[in-house]
């Protein structure tokens, strides 16, 4: 299931679900911090909410592809 809600650009926090996994971003100071599966990835900071969302979606897609490749190789 793919669900990614669009949030207003002035919102300081957004959350959604992508491929069944919770994702979120929080604006602090001048940076966006991301959460994947309710875990803050504290070493990652993004300039915009759009960059944060794109990174989260890409990360989930990469993990899915890696699991699929391992399953097909077995």
PDB file of N, CA and C in Angstrom:
ATOM      1  N   UNK A   1       0.832  -1.165   0.000  1.00  0.00           N
ATOM      2  CA  UNK A   1       0.000   0.000   0.000  1.00  0.00           C
ATOM      3  C   UNK A   1       0.885   1.240   0.000  1.00  0.00           C
ATOM      4  N   UNK A   2       0.590   2.171  -0.873  1.00  0.00           N
ATOM      5  CA  UNK A   2       1.319   3.425  -0.961  1.00  0.00           C
ATOM      6  C   UNK A   2       0.404   4.544  -0.520  1.00  0.00           C
ATOM      7  N   UNK A   3       0.730   5.208   0.572  1.00  0.00           N
ATOM      8  CA  UNK A   3      -0.047   6.342   1.042  1.00  0.00           C
ATOM      9  C   UNK A   3       0.943   7.421   1.468  1.00  0.00           C
ATOM     10  N   UNK A   4       0.911   8.530   0.812  1.00  0.00           N
ATOM     11  CA  UNK A   4       1.718   9.677   1.225  1.00  0.00           C
ATOM     12  C   UNK A   4       0.827  10.903   1.114  1.00  0.00           C
ATOM     13  N   UNK A   5       0.481  11.447   2.251  1.00  0.00           N
ATOM     14  CA  UNK A   5      -0.401  12.615   2.282  1.00  0.00           C
ATOM     15  C   UNK A   5       0.385  13.871   1.954  1.00  0.00           C
ATOM     16  N   UNK A   6      -0.263  14.772   1.269  1.00  0.00           N
ATOM     17  CA  UNK A   6       0.334  16.082   1.016  1.00  0.00           C
ATOM     18  C   UNK A   6      -0.003  16.987   2.190  1.00  0.00           C
ATOM     19  N   UNK A   7       0.991  17.681   2.692  1.00  0.00           N
ATOM     20  CA  UNK A   7       0.793  18.566   3.821  1.00  0.00           C
ATOM     21  C   UNK A   7       1.066  19.998   3.398  1.00  0.00           C
ATOM     22  N   UNK A   8       0.412  20.953   4.025  1.00  0.00           N
ATOM     23  CA  UNK A   8       0.679  22.359   3.709  1.00  0.00           C
ATOM     24  C   UNK A   8       2.148  22.689   3.953  1.00  0.00           C
ATOM     25  N   UNK A   9       2.756  23.526   3.117  1.00  0.00           N
ATOM     26  CA  UNK A   9       4.178  23.821   3.248  1.00  0.00           C
ATOM     27  C   UNK A   9       4.549  24.554   4.524  1.00  0.00           C
ATOM     28  N   UNK A  10       3.593  25.208   5.184  1.00  0.00           N
ATOM     29  CA  UNK A  10       3.910  25.943   6.403  1.00  0.00           C
ATOM     30  C   UNK A  10       3.793  25.082   7.658  1.00  0.00           C
ATOM     31  N   UNK A  11       3.442  23.840   7.505  1.00  0.00           N
ATOM     32  CA  UNK A  11       3.281  22.941   8.633  1.00  0.00           C
ATOM     33  C   UNK A  11       4.647  22.560   9.199  1.00  0.00           C
ATOM     34  N   UNK A  12       4.788  22.546  10.521  1.00  0.00           N
ATOM     35  CA  UNK A  12       6.060  22.250  11.178  1.00  0.00           C
ATOM     36  C   UNK A  12       6.302  20.757  11.358  1.00  0.00           C
ATOM     37  N   UNK A  13       5.255  19.951  11.224  1.00  0.00           N
ATOM     38  CA  UNK A  13       5.365  18.502  11.383  1.00  0.00           C
ATOM     39  C   UNK A  13       4.399  17.840  10.422  1.00  0.00           C
ATOM     40  N   UNK A  14       4.842  16.780   9.788  1.00  0.00           N
ATOM     41  CA  UNK A  14       3.919  15.988   8.986  1.00  0.00           C
ATOM     42  C   UNK A  14       4.227  14.515   9.209  1.00  0.00           C
ATOM     43  N   UNK A  15       3.219  13.699   9.022  1.00  0.00           N
ATOM     44  CA  UNK A  15       3.401  12.256   9.130  1.00  0.00           C
ATOM     45  C   UNK A  15       2.471  11.574   8.151  1.00  0.00           C
ATOM     46  N   UNK A  16       2.856  10.382   7.769  1.00  0.00           N
ATOM     47  CA  UNK A  16       2.072   9.620   6.815  1.00  0.00           C
ATOM     48  C   UNK A  16       2.506   8.164   6.902  1.00  0.00           C
ATOM     49  N   UNK A  17       2.018   7.371   5.964  1.00  0.00           N
ATOM     50  CA  UNK A  17       2.392   5.968   5.857  1.00  0.00           C
ATOM     51  C   UNK A  17       2.779   5.714   4.413  1.00  0.00           C
ATOM     52  N   UNK A  18       3.892   5.018   4.213  1.00  0.00           N
ATOM     53  CA  UNK A  18       4.346   4.655   2.867  1.00  0.00           C
ATOM     54  C   UNK A  18       4.703   3.187   2.877  1.00  0.00           C
ATOM     55  N   UNK A  19       4.074   2.420   2.029  1.00  0.00           N
ATOM     56  CA  UNK A  19       4.239   0.974   1.961  1.00  0.00           C
ATOM     57  C   UNK A  19       4.063   0.329   3.331  1.00  0.00           C
ATOM     58  N   UNK A  20       3.103   0.822   4.081  1.00  0.00           N
ATOM     59  CA  UNK A  20       2.801   0.256   5.386  1.00  0.00           C
ATOM     60  C   UNK A  20       3.749   0.691   6.497  1.00  0.00           C
ATOM     61  N   UNK A  21       4.678   1.594   6.207  1.00  0.00           N
ATOM     62  CA  UNK A  21       5.650   2.034   7.210  1.00  0.00           C
ATOM     63  C   UNK A  21       5.415   3.499   7.554  1.00  0.00           C
ATOM     64  N   UNK A  22       5.352   3.815   8.848  1.00  0.00           N
ATOM     65  CA  UNK A  22       5.140   5.196   9.243  1.00  0.00           C
ATOM     66  C   UNK A  22       6.367   6.061   8.940  1.00  0.00           C
ATOM     67  N   UNK A  23       6.111   7.242   8.368  1.00  0.00           N
ATOM     68  CA  UNK A  23       7.164   8.214   8.088  1.00  0.00           C
ATOM     69  C   UNK A  23       6.704   9.566   8.616  1.00  0.00           C
ATOM     70  N   UNK A  24       7.668  10.401   8.980  1.00  0.00           N
ATOM     71  CA  UNK A  24       7.335  11.725   9.492  1.00  0.00           C
ATOM     72  C   UNK A  24       8.538  12.636   9.359  1.00  0.00           C
ATOM     73  N   UNK A  25       8.274  13.942   9.438  1.00  0.00           N
ATOM     74  CA  UNK A  25       9.341  14.939   9.436  1.00  0.00           C
ATOM     75  C   UNK A  25       8.943  16.071  10.377  1.00  0.00           C
ATOM     76  N   UNK A  26       9.942  16.601  11.070  1.00  0.00           N
ATOM     77  CA  UNK A  26       9.742  17.674  12.033  1.00  0.00           C
ATOM     78  C   UNK A  26      10.681  18.820  11.688  1.00  0.00           C
ATOM     79  N   UNK A  27      10.131  20.025  11.626  1.00  0.00           N
ATOM     80  CA  UNK A  27      10.929  21.215  11.324  1.00  0.00           C
ATOM     81  C   UNK A  27      11.430  21.820  12.630  1.00  0.00           C
ATOM     82  N   UNK A  28      12.756  21.877  12.763  1.00  0.00           N
ATOM     83  CA  UNK A  28      13.389  22.486  13.946  1.00  0.00           C
ATOM     84  C   UNK A  28      14.444  23.452  13.466  1.00  0.00           C
ATOM     85  N   UNK A  29      14.328  24.681  13.888  1.00  0.00           N
ATOM     86  CA  UNK A  29      15.288  25.687  13.437  1.00  0.00           C
ATOM     87  C   UNK A  29      15.169  25.867  11.941  1.00  0.00           C
ATOM     88  N   UNK A  30      16.240  25.618  11.230  1.00  0.00           N
ATOM     89  CA  UNK A  30      16.207  25.742   9.765  1.00  0.00           C
ATOM     90  C   UNK A  30      16.345  24.396   9.072  1.00  0.00           C
ATOM     91  N   UNK A  31      16.144  23.304   9.790  1.00  0.00           N
ATOM     92  CA  UNK A  31      16.325  21.961   9.231  1.00  0.00           C
ATOM     93  C   UNK A  31      15.105  21.082   9.491  1.00  0.00           C
ATOM     94  N   UNK A  32      14.963  20.074   8.630  1.00  0.00           N
ATOM     95  CA  UNK A  32      13.921  19.065   8.782  1.00  0.00           C
ATOM     96  C   UNK A  32      14.567  17.764   9.248  1.00  0.00           C
ATOM     97  N   UNK A  33      13.995  17.174  10.290  1.00  0.00           N
ATOM     98  CA  UNK A  33      14.474  15.906  10.841  1.00  0.00           C
ATOM     99  C   UNK A  33      13.454  14.824  10.491  1.00  0.00           C
ATOM    100  N   UNK A  34      13.932  13.624  10.185  1.00  0.00           N
ATOM    101  CA  UNK A  34      13.035  12.573   9.710  1.00  0.00           C
ATOM    102  C   UNK A  34      12.889  11.430  10.714  1.00  0.00           C
ATOM    103  N   UNK A  35      11.715  10.810  10.649  1.00  0.00           N
ATOM    104  CA  UNK A  35      11.392   9.637  11.454  1.00  0.00           C
ATOM    105  C   UNK A  35      10.978   8.524  10.499  1.00  0.00           C
ATOM    106  N   UNK A  36      11.517   7.349  10.715  1.00  0.00           N
ATOM    107  CA  UNK A  36      11.136   6.164   9.953  1.00  0.00           C
ATOM    108  C   UNK A  36      10.777   5.084  10.951  1.00  0.00           C
ATOM    109  N   UNK A  37       9.588   4.537  10.833  1.00  0.00           N
ATOM    110  CA  UNK A  37       9.086   3.531  11.782  1.00  0.00           C
ATOM    111  C   UNK A  37       9.121   4.068  13.217  1.00  0.00           C
ATOM    112  N   UNK A  38       8.757   5.319  13.392  1.00  0.00           N
ATOM    113  CA  UNK A  38       8.686   5.999  14.692  1.00  0.00           C
ATOM    114  C   UNK A  38      10.053   6.215  15.342  1.00  0.00           C
ATOM    115  N   UNK A  39      11.129   6.075  14.577  1.00  0.00           N
ATOM    116  CA  UNK A  39      12.478   6.267  15.104  1.00  0.00           C
ATOM    117  C   UNK A  39      13.089   7.512  14.462  1.00  0.00           C
ATOM    118  N   UNK A  40      13.557   8.437  15.299  1.00  0.00           N
ATOM    119  CA  UNK A  40      14.226   9.634  14.800  1.00  0.00           C
ATOM    120  C   UNK A  40      15.592   9.253  14.254  1.00  0.00           C
ATOM    121  N   UNK A  41      15.856   9.608  13.020  1.00  0.00           N
ATOM    122  CA  UNK A  41      17.161   9.372  12.412  1.00  0.00           C
ATOM    123  C   UNK A  41      17.968  10.653  12.633  1.00  0.00           C
ATOM    124  N   UNK A  42      18.532  10.775  13.825  1.00  0.00           N
ATOM    125  CA  UNK A  42      19.074  12.044  14.314  1.00  0.00           C
ATOM    126  C   UNK A  42      20.282  12.558  13.543  1.00  0.00           C
ATOM    127  N   UNK A  43      20.941  11.730  12.779  1.00  0.00           N
ATOM    128  CA  UNK A  43      22.106  12.198  12.016  1.00  0.00           C
ATOM    129  C   UNK A  43      21.721  12.783  10.663  1.00  0.00           C
ATOM    130  N   UNK A  44      20.456  12.684  10.313  1.00  0.00           N
ATOM    131  CA  UNK A  44      20.001  13.183   9.017  1.00  0.00           C
ATOM    132  C   UNK A  44      19.231  14.486   9.189  1.00  0.00           C
ATOM    133  N   UNK A  45      19.600  15.482   8.412  1.00  0.00           N
ATOM    134  CA  UNK A  45      18.896  16.755   8.400  1.00  0.00           C
ATOM    135  C   UNK A  45      18.715  17.189   6.950  1.00  0.00           C
ATOM    136  N   UNK A  46      17.563  17.789   6.660  1.00  0.00           N
ATOM    137  CA  UNK A  46      17.248  18.205   5.303  1.00  0.00           C
ATOM    138  C   UNK A  46      16.835  19.667   5.279  1.00  0.00           C
ATOM    139  N   UNK A  47      17.092  20.312   4.161  1.00  0.00           N
ATOM    140  CA  UNK A  47      16.791  21.735   4.019  1.00  0.00           C
ATOM    141  C   UNK A  47      15.296  21.997   3.862  1.00  0.00           C
ATOM    142  N   UNK A  48      14.577  21.054   3.240  1.00  0.00           N
ATOM    143  CA  UNK A  48      13.147  21.259   2.998  1.00  0.00           C
ATOM    144  C   UNK A  48      12.363  20.002   3.357  1.00  0.00           C
ATOM    145  N   UNK A  49      11.071  20.184   3.553  1.00  0.00           N
ATOM    146  CA  UNK A  49      10.192  19.036   3.809  1.00  0.00           C
ATOM    147  C   UNK A  49      10.146  18.113   2.602  1.00  0.00           C
ATOM    148  N   UNK A  50      10.202  18.693   1.418  1.00  0.00           N
ATOM    149  CA  UNK A  50      10.167  17.878   0.196  1.00  0.00           C
ATOM    150  C   UNK A  50      11.400  16.980   0.105  1.00  0.00           C
ATOM    151  N   UNK A  51      12.569  17.510   0.476  1.00  0.00           N
ATOM    152  CA  UNK A  51      13.777  16.683   0.471  1.00  0.00           C
ATOM    153  C   UNK A  51      13.675  15.561   1.501  1.00  0.00           C
ATOM    154  N   UNK A  52      13.141  15.869   2.662  1.00  0.00           N
ATOM    155  CA  UNK A  52      12.973  14.859   3.711  1.00  0.00           C
ATOM    156  C   UNK A  52      12.034  13.749   3.245  1.00  0.00           C
ATOM    157  N   UNK A  53      10.911  14.135   2.655  1.00  0.00           N
ATOM    158  CA  UNK A  53       9.940  13.145   2.182  1.00  0.00           C
ATOM    159  C   UNK A  53      10.539  12.279   1.065  1.00  0.00           C
ATOM    160  N   UNK A  54      11.251  12.915   0.148  1.00  0.00           N
ATOM    161  CA  UNK A  54      11.864  12.165  -0.955  1.00  0.00           C
ATOM    162  C   UNK A  54      12.881  11.165  -0.429  1.00  0.00           C
ATOM    163  N   UNK A  55      13.678  11.555   0.555  1.00  0.00           N
ATOM    164  CA  UNK A  55      14.676  10.638   1.108  1.00  0.00           C
ATOM    165  C   UNK A  55      13.998   9.458   1.780  1.00  0.00           C
ATOM    166  N   UNK A  56      12.952   9.708   2.564  1.00  0.00           N
ATOM    167  CA  UNK A  56      12.242   8.622   3.245  1.00  0.00           C
ATOM    168  C   UNK A  56      11.656   7.630   2.253  1.00  0.00           C
ATOM    169  N   UNK A  57      11.006   8.124   1.219  1.00  0.00           N
ATOM    170  CA  UNK A  57      10.401   7.250   0.215  1.00  0.00           C
ATOM    171  C   UNK A  57      11.474   6.447  -0.510  1.00  0.00           C
ATOM    172  N   UNK A  58      12.560   7.104  -0.874  1.00  0.00           N
ATOM    173  CA  UNK A  58      13.655   6.424  -1.554  1.00  0.00           C
ATOM    174  C   UNK A  58      14.258   5.333  -0.666  1.00  0.00           C
ATOM    175  N   UNK A  59      14.438   5.622   0.606  1.00  0.00           N
ATOM    176  CA  UNK A  59      15.021   4.647   1.543  1.00  0.00           C
ATOM    177  C   UNK A  59      14.137   3.412   1.650  1.00  0.00           C
ATOM    178  N   UNK A  60      12.851   3.609   1.783  1.00  0.00           N
ATOM    179  CA  UNK A  60      11.926   2.475   1.878  1.00  0.00           C
ATOM    180  C   UNK A  60      11.945   1.670   0.589  1.00  0.00           C
ATOM    181  N   UNK A  61      11.938   2.347  -0.550  1.00  0.00           N
ATOM    182  CA  UNK A  61      11.995   1.647  -1.838  1.00  0.00           C
ATOM    183  C   UNK A  61      13.282   0.842  -1.983  1.00  0.00           C
ATOM    184  N   UNK A  62      14.416   1.410  -1.553  1.00  0.00           N
ATOM    185  CA  UNK A  62      15.693   0.690  -1.624  1.00  0.00           C
ATOM    186  C   UNK A  62      15.665  -0.551  -0.752  1.00  0.00           C
ATOM    187  N   UNK A  63      15.152  -0.434   0.456  1.00  0.00           N
ATOM    188  CA  UNK A  63      15.085  -1.580   1.356  1.00  0.00           C
ATOM    189  C   UNK A  63      14.184  -2.667   0.783  1.00  0.00           C
ATOM    190  N   UNK A  64      13.073  -2.277   0.185  1.00  0.00           N
ATOM    191  CA  UNK A  64      12.165  -3.241  -0.433  1.00  0.00           C
ATOM    192  C   UNK A  64      12.862  -3.973  -1.581  1.00  0.00           C
ATOM    193  N   UNK A  65      13.574  -3.225  -2.416  1.00  0.00           N
ATOM    194  CA  UNK A  65      14.281  -3.815  -3.554  1.00  0.00           C
ATOM    195  C   UNK A  65      15.352  -4.787  -3.078  1.00  0.00           C
ATOM    196  N   UNK A  66      16.088  -4.427  -2.037  1.00  0.00           N
ATOM    197  CA  UNK A  66      17.125  -5.301  -1.503  1.00  0.00           C
ATOM    198  C   UNK A  66      16.531  -6.593  -0.961  1.00  0.00           C
ATOM    199  N   UNK A  67      15.431  -6.505  -0.232  1.00  0.00           N
ATOM    200  CA  UNK A  67      14.772  -7.720   0.290  1.00  0.00           C
ATOM    201  C   UNK A  67      14.276  -8.597  -0.858  1.00  0.00           C
ATOM    202  N   UNK A  68      13.731  -7.985  -1.879  1.00  0.00           N
ATOM    203  CA  UNK A  68      13.240  -8.740  -3.022  1.00  0.00           C
ATOM    204  C   UNK A  68      14.384  -9.446  -3.748  1.00  0.00           C
ATOM    205  N   UNK A  69      15.487  -8.766  -3.955  1.00  0.00           N
ATOM    206  CA  UNK A  69      16.638  -9.365  -4.620  1.00  0.00           C
ATOM    207  C   UNK A  69      17.187 -10.538  -3.821  1.00  0.00           C
ATOM    208  N   UNK A  70      17.264 -10.401  -2.491  1.00  0.00           N
ATOM    209  CA  UNK A  70      17.747 -11.505  -1.659  1.00  0.00           C
ATOM    210  C   UNK A  70      16.803 -12.703  -1.734  1.00  0.00           C
ATOM    211  N   UNK A  71      15.508 -12.429  -1.757  1.00  0.00           N
ATOM    212  CA  UNK A  71      14.535 -13.521  -1.830  1.00  0.00           C
ATOM    213  C   UNK A  71      14.623 -14.254  -3.171  1.00  0.00           C
ATOM    214  N   UNK A  72      14.829 -13.513  -4.242  1.00  0.00           N
ATOM    215  CA  UNK A  72      14.927 -14.139  -5.558  1.00  0.00           C
ATOM    216  C   UNK A  72      16.227 -14.922  -5.716  1.00  0.00           C
ATOM    217  N   UNK A  73      17.280 -14.495  -5.035  1.00  0.00           N
ATOM    218  CA  UNK A  73      18.566 -15.168  -5.126  1.00  0.00           C
ATOM    219  C   UNK A  73      18.599 -16.466  -4.327  1.00  0.00           C
ATOM    220  N   UNK A  74      17.702 -16.584  -3.349  1.00  0.00           N
ATOM    221  CA  UNK A  74      17.695 -17.765  -2.474  1.00  0.00           C
ATOM    222  C   UNK A  74      17.119 -18.982  -3.156  1.00  0.00           C
TER     223      UNK A  74
END
